[in-house]
């Protein structure tokens, strides 16, 4: 590996140390339905977001809650000396991308066939600390 590539790789690795994220891949829910819950918690405090997801009736809320807990656990691993209660964590960004689509066939009248698209999505959630942003 050349020096330029090595320096770029080290810079990327150093930048990832301050990013606290979690990913959910191939979530078998429609992206449109998941984006409804994602829009509710985007930019909100982590405690508020967890309460909203915990008491929501949507199917995707349960999976987003588990993903948010995973992102918080990732923050705790990278910040062992700090307390979770002292940090002012918030949902910096949450992105719902469409995943693979399973194509199935359903019978229709008069010998026809209709296509059924079973959609899935990928969710990426990034949390950050408001205290660290004010220092930079």
N, C-alpha and C. Protein backbone atom coordinates (compact mmCIF):
# COMPACT_ATOMS: atom_id res chain seq x y z
N UNK A 1 0.85 -1.17 0.00
CA UNK A 1 0.00 0.00 0.00
C UNK A 1 0.89 1.23 0.00
N UNK A 2 0.54 2.19 -0.84
CA UNK A 2 1.32 3.42 -0.93
C UNK A 2 1.10 4.32 0.26
N UNK A 3 1.97 5.30 0.38
CA UNK A 3 1.91 6.20 1.53
C UNK A 3 0.63 7.03 1.52
N UNK A 4 0.22 7.46 0.34
CA UNK A 4 -0.99 8.29 0.24
C UNK A 4 -2.23 7.51 0.68
N UNK A 5 -2.33 6.27 0.22
CA UNK A 5 -3.47 5.44 0.61
C UNK A 5 -3.45 5.13 2.11
N UNK A 6 -2.27 4.88 2.64
CA UNK A 6 -2.15 4.57 4.06
C UNK A 6 -2.57 5.77 4.90
N UNK A 7 -2.13 6.97 4.51
CA UNK A 7 -2.50 8.17 5.25
C UNK A 7 -4.00 8.43 5.17
N UNK A 8 -4.58 8.20 4.01
CA UNK A 8 -6.03 8.39 3.86
C UNK A 8 -6.79 7.37 4.70
N UNK A 9 -6.31 6.12 4.74
CA UNK A 9 -6.97 5.08 5.53
C UNK A 9 -6.86 5.40 7.02
N UNK A 10 -5.71 5.89 7.46
CA UNK A 10 -5.56 6.26 8.87
C UNK A 10 -6.45 7.44 9.24
N UNK A 11 -6.60 8.39 8.32
CA UNK A 11 -7.48 9.54 8.58
C UNK A 11 -8.93 9.09 8.70
N UNK A 12 -9.35 8.16 7.82
CA UNK A 12 -10.71 7.63 7.91
C UNK A 12 -10.92 6.87 9.22
N UNK A 13 -9.92 6.10 9.61
CA UNK A 13 -10.02 5.33 10.85
C UNK A 13 -10.10 6.26 12.06
N UNK A 14 -9.34 7.34 12.05
CA UNK A 14 -9.36 8.30 13.14
C UNK A 14 -10.71 9.03 13.22
N UNK A 15 -11.29 9.33 12.06
CA UNK A 15 -12.59 10.02 12.03
C UNK A 15 -13.70 9.11 12.54
N UNK A 16 -13.60 7.81 12.31
CA UNK A 16 -14.63 6.87 12.76
C UNK A 16 -14.62 6.68 14.27
N UNK A 17 -13.53 7.05 14.94
CA UNK A 17 -13.47 6.89 16.40
C UNK A 17 -14.46 7.80 17.11
N UNK A 18 -14.81 8.93 16.49
CA UNK A 18 -15.72 9.87 17.13
C UNK A 18 -17.14 9.75 16.58
N UNK A 19 -17.41 8.72 15.77
CA UNK A 19 -18.75 8.51 15.22
C UNK A 19 -19.35 7.30 15.92
N UNK A 20 -20.56 7.49 16.47
CA UNK A 20 -21.24 6.42 17.20
C UNK A 20 -22.47 6.03 16.40
N UNK A 21 -22.42 4.85 15.79
CA UNK A 21 -23.49 4.47 14.88
C UNK A 21 -23.85 3.00 15.03
N UNK A 22 -24.98 2.65 14.43
CA UNK A 22 -25.43 1.26 14.36
C UNK A 22 -26.19 1.11 13.06
N UNK A 23 -26.10 -0.07 12.45
CA UNK A 23 -26.78 -0.32 11.17
C UNK A 23 -27.66 -1.54 11.29
N UNK A 24 -28.80 -1.45 10.63
CA UNK A 24 -29.73 -2.58 10.52
C UNK A 24 -29.88 -2.86 9.03
N UNK A 25 -29.49 -4.06 8.62
CA UNK A 25 -29.47 -4.40 7.20
C UNK A 25 -30.57 -5.43 6.92
N UNK A 26 -31.26 -5.25 5.81
CA UNK A 26 -32.33 -6.14 5.35
C UNK A 26 -33.44 -6.29 6.39
N UNK A 27 -33.92 -5.18 6.85
CA UNK A 27 -35.08 -5.15 7.74
C UNK A 27 -36.32 -5.44 6.89
N UNK A 28 -37.08 -6.50 7.17
CA UNK A 28 -38.16 -6.90 6.27
C UNK A 28 -39.44 -6.06 6.43
N UNK A 29 -39.28 -4.75 6.44
CA UNK A 29 -40.41 -3.83 6.50
C UNK A 29 -40.26 -2.84 5.37
N UNK A 30 -41.35 -2.33 4.87
CA UNK A 30 -41.30 -1.35 3.79
C UNK A 30 -40.55 -0.10 4.25
N UNK A 31 -39.68 0.45 3.41
CA UNK A 31 -38.96 1.67 3.79
C UNK A 31 -39.90 2.83 4.10
N UNK A 32 -41.01 2.89 3.40
CA UNK A 32 -41.96 3.97 3.61
C UNK A 32 -42.54 3.93 5.02
N UNK A 33 -42.84 2.73 5.52
CA UNK A 33 -43.39 2.59 6.87
C UNK A 33 -42.32 2.88 7.92
N UNK A 34 -41.08 2.51 7.64
CA UNK A 34 -40.01 2.74 8.61
C UNK A 34 -39.65 4.22 8.68
N UNK A 35 -39.71 4.92 7.55
CA UNK A 35 -39.37 6.35 7.53
C UNK A 35 -40.32 7.17 8.39
N UNK A 36 -41.54 6.71 8.58
CA UNK A 36 -42.50 7.44 9.43
C UNK A 36 -41.94 7.54 10.85
N UNK A 37 -41.46 6.43 11.39
CA UNK A 37 -40.90 6.44 12.75
C UNK A 37 -39.54 7.12 12.79
N UNK A 38 -38.78 6.98 11.72
CA UNK A 38 -37.46 7.62 11.68
C UNK A 38 -37.60 9.14 11.73
N UNK A 39 -38.60 9.68 11.04
CA UNK A 39 -38.81 11.12 11.03
C UNK A 39 -39.20 11.64 12.40
N UNK A 40 -39.88 10.81 13.19
CA UNK A 40 -40.32 11.23 14.52
C UNK A 40 -39.13 11.43 15.46
N UNK A 41 -38.12 10.57 15.38
CA UNK A 41 -37.02 10.62 16.35
C UNK A 41 -35.79 11.37 15.85
N UNK A 42 -35.75 11.76 14.60
CA UNK A 42 -34.57 12.45 14.05
C UNK A 42 -34.34 13.78 14.77
N UNK A 43 -33.12 13.95 15.30
CA UNK A 43 -32.75 15.19 15.97
C UNK A 43 -33.20 15.28 17.42
N UNK A 44 -33.86 14.27 17.93
CA UNK A 44 -34.40 14.31 19.29
C UNK A 44 -33.39 13.74 20.29
N UNK A 45 -33.63 14.04 21.56
CA UNK A 45 -32.84 13.50 22.66
C UNK A 45 -33.02 11.98 22.70
N UNK A 46 -31.99 11.26 23.09
CA UNK A 46 -32.03 9.80 23.07
C UNK A 46 -33.10 9.25 24.03
N UNK A 47 -33.23 9.85 25.21
CA UNK A 47 -34.24 9.37 26.16
C UNK A 47 -35.65 9.57 25.60
N UNK A 48 -35.89 10.73 25.00
CA UNK A 48 -37.20 11.00 24.40
C UNK A 48 -37.48 10.03 23.27
N UNK A 49 -36.46 9.79 22.42
CA UNK A 49 -36.63 8.89 21.28
C UNK A 49 -36.94 7.47 21.75
N UNK A 50 -36.27 7.03 22.81
CA UNK A 50 -36.53 5.68 23.33
C UNK A 50 -37.95 5.56 23.86
N UNK A 51 -38.43 6.59 24.54
CA UNK A 51 -39.80 6.55 25.05
C UNK A 51 -40.82 6.54 23.92
N UNK A 52 -40.58 7.34 22.89
CA UNK A 52 -41.50 7.38 21.76
C UNK A 52 -41.55 6.01 21.07
N UNK A 53 -40.39 5.41 20.86
CA UNK A 53 -40.34 4.11 20.18
C UNK A 53 -40.93 3.00 21.05
N UNK A 54 -40.72 3.10 22.34
CA UNK A 54 -41.21 2.06 23.25
C UNK A 54 -42.73 1.99 23.28
N UNK A 55 -43.38 3.14 23.20
CA UNK A 55 -44.84 3.17 23.33
C UNK A 55 -45.57 3.32 22.00
N UNK A 56 -44.85 3.22 20.90
CA UNK A 56 -45.49 3.30 19.59
C UNK A 56 -46.06 1.95 19.18
N UNK A 57 -47.13 1.98 18.42
CA UNK A 57 -47.78 0.75 17.97
C UNK A 57 -47.21 0.23 16.65
N UNK A 58 -46.36 1.01 16.00
CA UNK A 58 -45.83 0.62 14.69
C UNK A 58 -44.87 -0.56 14.83
N UNK A 59 -44.86 -1.42 13.82
CA UNK A 59 -43.98 -2.59 13.84
C UNK A 59 -42.51 -2.17 13.77
N UNK A 60 -42.23 -1.15 12.98
CA UNK A 60 -40.84 -0.73 12.81
C UNK A 60 -40.28 -0.05 14.05
N UNK A 61 -41.13 0.42 14.96
CA UNK A 61 -40.66 1.10 16.16
C UNK A 61 -39.87 0.15 17.05
N UNK A 62 -40.30 -1.10 17.12
CA UNK A 62 -39.60 -2.08 17.95
C UNK A 62 -38.18 -2.32 17.45
N UNK A 63 -38.03 -2.41 16.14
CA UNK A 63 -36.71 -2.65 15.56
C UNK A 63 -35.82 -1.42 15.66
N UNK A 64 -36.41 -0.22 15.51
CA UNK A 64 -35.64 1.01 15.65
C UNK A 64 -35.19 1.20 17.09
N UNK A 65 -36.02 0.78 18.05
CA UNK A 65 -35.64 0.88 19.46
C UNK A 65 -34.42 0.01 19.75
N UNK A 66 -34.43 -1.20 19.23
CA UNK A 66 -33.30 -2.10 19.42
C UNK A 66 -32.04 -1.54 18.76
N UNK A 67 -32.20 -0.92 17.60
CA UNK A 67 -31.07 -0.31 16.90
C UNK A 67 -30.53 0.89 17.67
N UNK A 68 -31.41 1.68 18.25
CA UNK A 68 -30.98 2.84 19.05
C UNK A 68 -30.22 2.39 20.28
N UNK A 69 -30.69 1.31 20.92
CA UNK A 69 -29.97 0.76 22.07
C UNK A 69 -28.58 0.27 21.67
N UNK A 70 -28.47 -0.28 20.48
CA UNK A 70 -27.18 -0.74 19.98
C UNK A 70 -26.23 0.44 19.77
N UNK A 71 -26.74 1.53 19.23
CA UNK A 71 -25.91 2.72 19.01
C UNK A 71 -25.45 3.30 20.34
N UNK A 72 -26.32 3.28 21.35
CA UNK A 72 -25.94 3.76 22.68
C UNK A 72 -24.86 2.87 23.28
N UNK A 73 -24.98 1.56 23.08
CA UNK A 73 -23.96 0.63 23.57
C UNK A 73 -22.62 0.89 22.87
N UNK A 74 -22.67 1.22 21.58
CA UNK A 74 -21.43 1.55 20.86
C UNK A 74 -20.81 2.82 21.42
N UNK A 75 -21.63 3.79 21.82
CA UNK A 75 -21.12 5.01 22.43
C UNK A 75 -20.44 4.69 23.76
N UNK A 76 -21.05 3.79 24.54
CA UNK A 76 -20.49 3.43 25.84
C UNK A 76 -19.15 2.72 25.69
N UNK A 77 -19.01 1.90 24.65
CA UNK A 77 -17.75 1.19 24.44
C UNK A 77 -16.63 2.17 24.12
N UNK A 78 -16.93 3.19 23.32
CA UNK A 78 -15.89 4.15 22.92
C UNK A 78 -15.63 5.21 23.97
N UNK A 79 -16.53 5.39 24.94
CA UNK A 79 -16.38 6.38 26.01
C UNK A 79 -16.52 5.70 27.36
N UNK A 80 -15.52 4.90 27.73
CA UNK A 80 -15.63 4.11 28.95
C UNK A 80 -15.60 4.95 30.21
N UNK A 81 -14.90 6.08 30.22
CA UNK A 81 -14.78 6.89 31.43
C UNK A 81 -15.99 7.75 31.72
N UNK A 82 -16.85 7.98 30.73
CA UNK A 82 -17.98 8.88 30.90
C UNK A 82 -19.24 8.13 31.31
N UNK A 83 -20.11 8.84 32.02
CA UNK A 83 -21.40 8.27 32.40
C UNK A 83 -22.43 8.60 31.34
N UNK A 84 -23.32 7.67 31.09
CA UNK A 84 -24.38 7.87 30.10
C UNK A 84 -25.34 8.97 30.53
N UNK A 85 -25.59 9.08 31.84
CA UNK A 85 -26.53 10.08 32.33
C UNK A 85 -25.99 11.50 32.15
N UNK A 86 -24.66 11.67 32.24
CA UNK A 86 -24.06 13.00 32.10
C UNK A 86 -24.01 13.45 30.64
N UNK A 87 -23.92 12.53 29.73
CA UNK A 87 -23.83 12.88 28.31
C UNK A 87 -25.20 13.28 27.78
N UNK A 88 -25.22 14.29 26.94
CA UNK A 88 -26.47 14.73 26.33
C UNK A 88 -26.53 14.15 24.92
N UNK A 89 -26.87 12.86 24.84
CA UNK A 89 -26.91 12.18 23.55
C UNK A 89 -28.18 12.53 22.80
N UNK A 90 -28.04 12.66 21.48
CA UNK A 90 -29.20 12.90 20.63
C UNK A 90 -29.01 12.15 19.32
N UNK A 91 -30.09 11.95 18.60
CA UNK A 91 -30.05 11.25 17.32
C UNK A 91 -29.59 12.25 16.27
N UNK A 92 -28.33 12.15 15.87
CA UNK A 92 -27.76 13.10 14.92
C UNK A 92 -28.36 12.89 13.54
N UNK A 93 -28.38 11.65 13.10
CA UNK A 93 -29.01 11.37 11.80
C UNK A 93 -29.52 9.93 11.80
N UNK A 94 -30.59 9.74 11.06
CA UNK A 94 -31.13 8.40 10.86
C UNK A 94 -31.56 8.34 9.40
N UNK A 95 -31.03 7.35 8.70
CA UNK A 95 -31.26 7.22 7.26
C UNK A 95 -31.90 5.87 6.99
N UNK A 96 -32.98 5.87 6.23
CA UNK A 96 -33.66 4.64 5.84
C UNK A 96 -33.54 4.50 4.33
N UNK A 97 -32.75 3.54 3.88
CA UNK A 97 -32.57 3.27 2.46
C UNK A 97 -33.32 2.00 2.09
N UNK A 98 -33.72 1.93 0.84
CA UNK A 98 -34.41 0.71 0.43
C UNK A 98 -33.40 -0.41 0.25
N UNK A 99 -33.79 -1.59 0.65
CA UNK A 99 -32.93 -2.77 0.54
C UNK A 99 -33.35 -3.62 -0.65
N UNK A 100 -33.07 -4.88 -0.55
CA UNK A 100 -33.44 -5.77 -1.65
C UNK A 100 -34.95 -5.97 -1.69
N UNK A 101 -35.44 -6.33 -2.84
CA UNK A 101 -36.87 -6.51 -3.04
C UNK A 101 -37.11 -7.94 -3.51
N UNK A 102 -37.90 -8.68 -2.73
CA UNK A 102 -38.26 -10.03 -3.14
C UNK A 102 -39.47 -9.95 -4.06
N UNK A 103 -39.37 -10.55 -5.23
CA UNK A 103 -40.46 -10.47 -6.20
C UNK A 103 -41.20 -11.79 -6.20
N UNK A 104 -42.49 -11.72 -5.91
CA UNK A 104 -43.34 -12.89 -5.84
C UNK A 104 -44.51 -12.72 -6.79
N UNK A 105 -45.18 -13.82 -7.08
CA UNK A 105 -46.32 -13.77 -8.01
C UNK A 105 -47.57 -14.21 -7.26
N UNK A 106 -48.65 -13.45 -7.45
CA UNK A 106 -49.94 -13.76 -6.85
C UNK A 106 -50.93 -14.00 -7.99
N UNK A 107 -51.74 -14.99 -7.83
CA UNK A 107 -52.70 -15.30 -8.90
C UNK A 107 -53.73 -14.19 -9.02
N UNK A 108 -54.16 -13.97 -10.24
CA UNK A 108 -55.16 -12.93 -10.55
C UNK A 108 -56.25 -13.56 -11.41
N UNK A 109 -57.36 -12.87 -11.59
CA UNK A 109 -58.46 -13.45 -12.38
C UNK A 109 -58.10 -13.68 -13.84
N UNK A 110 -58.79 -14.59 -14.45
CA UNK A 110 -58.68 -14.90 -15.88
C UNK A 110 -57.28 -15.37 -16.27
N UNK A 111 -56.65 -16.14 -15.42
CA UNK A 111 -55.37 -16.75 -15.75
C UNK A 111 -54.19 -15.81 -15.70
N UNK A 112 -54.38 -14.62 -15.19
CA UNK A 112 -53.27 -13.66 -15.13
C UNK A 112 -52.49 -13.84 -13.83
N UNK A 113 -51.35 -13.13 -13.77
CA UNK A 113 -50.53 -13.16 -12.56
C UNK A 113 -50.12 -11.72 -12.23
N UNK A 114 -50.24 -11.35 -10.98
CA UNK A 114 -49.80 -10.03 -10.52
C UNK A 114 -48.51 -10.19 -9.73
N UNK A 115 -47.64 -9.20 -9.88
CA UNK A 115 -46.36 -9.25 -9.15
C UNK A 115 -46.53 -8.58 -7.79
N UNK A 116 -46.01 -9.23 -6.76
CA UNK A 116 -45.99 -8.69 -5.40
C UNK A 116 -44.54 -8.38 -5.06
N UNK A 117 -44.27 -7.14 -4.66
CA UNK A 117 -42.92 -6.74 -4.30
C UNK A 117 -42.81 -6.65 -2.78
N UNK A 118 -42.07 -7.58 -2.20
CA UNK A 118 -41.86 -7.56 -0.75
C UNK A 118 -40.59 -6.76 -0.48
N UNK A 119 -40.80 -5.56 0.04
CA UNK A 119 -39.69 -4.63 0.19
C UNK A 119 -38.98 -4.81 1.53
N UNK A 120 -37.72 -4.43 1.56
CA UNK A 120 -36.95 -4.41 2.80
C UNK A 120 -36.16 -3.10 2.82
N UNK A 121 -35.50 -2.82 3.94
CA UNK A 121 -34.76 -1.58 4.03
C UNK A 121 -33.50 -1.74 4.87
N UNK A 122 -32.63 -0.75 4.75
CA UNK A 122 -31.42 -0.65 5.56
C UNK A 122 -31.54 0.64 6.36
N UNK A 123 -31.29 0.55 7.66
CA UNK A 123 -31.39 1.72 8.53
C UNK A 123 -30.02 1.98 9.14
N UNK A 124 -29.58 3.23 9.07
CA UNK A 124 -28.33 3.66 9.70
C UNK A 124 -28.67 4.77 10.68
N UNK A 125 -28.27 4.60 11.93
CA UNK A 125 -28.54 5.61 12.95
C UNK A 125 -27.21 6.08 13.53
N UNK A 126 -27.05 7.39 13.65
CA UNK A 126 -25.84 8.00 14.20
C UNK A 126 -26.26 8.86 15.37
N UNK A 127 -25.66 8.62 16.54
CA UNK A 127 -25.94 9.45 17.71
C UNK A 127 -24.69 10.25 18.03
N UNK A 128 -24.88 11.37 18.70
CA UNK A 128 -23.75 12.23 19.05
C UNK A 128 -24.04 12.89 20.40
N UNK A 129 -23.00 13.47 20.96
CA UNK A 129 -23.09 14.12 22.25
C UNK A 129 -23.11 15.63 22.03
N UNK A 130 -24.10 16.32 22.58
CA UNK A 130 -24.21 17.78 22.41
C UNK A 130 -23.06 18.50 23.08
N UNK A 131 -22.51 17.92 24.15
CA UNK A 131 -21.40 18.56 24.85
C UNK A 131 -20.14 18.55 24.01
N UNK A 132 -19.88 17.47 23.28
CA UNK A 132 -18.68 17.39 22.44
C UNK A 132 -18.78 18.33 21.25
N UNK A 133 -19.98 18.56 20.72
CA UNK A 133 -20.13 19.45 19.58
C UNK A 133 -19.87 20.89 19.95
N UNK A 134 -20.18 21.30 21.17
CA UNK A 134 -19.98 22.69 21.57
C UNK A 134 -18.49 23.00 21.75
N UNK A 135 -17.66 21.97 22.06
CA UNK A 135 -16.23 22.20 22.25
C UNK A 135 -15.50 22.33 20.93
N UNK A 136 -16.01 21.74 19.87
CA UNK A 136 -15.29 21.74 18.60
C UNK A 136 -15.51 23.01 17.84
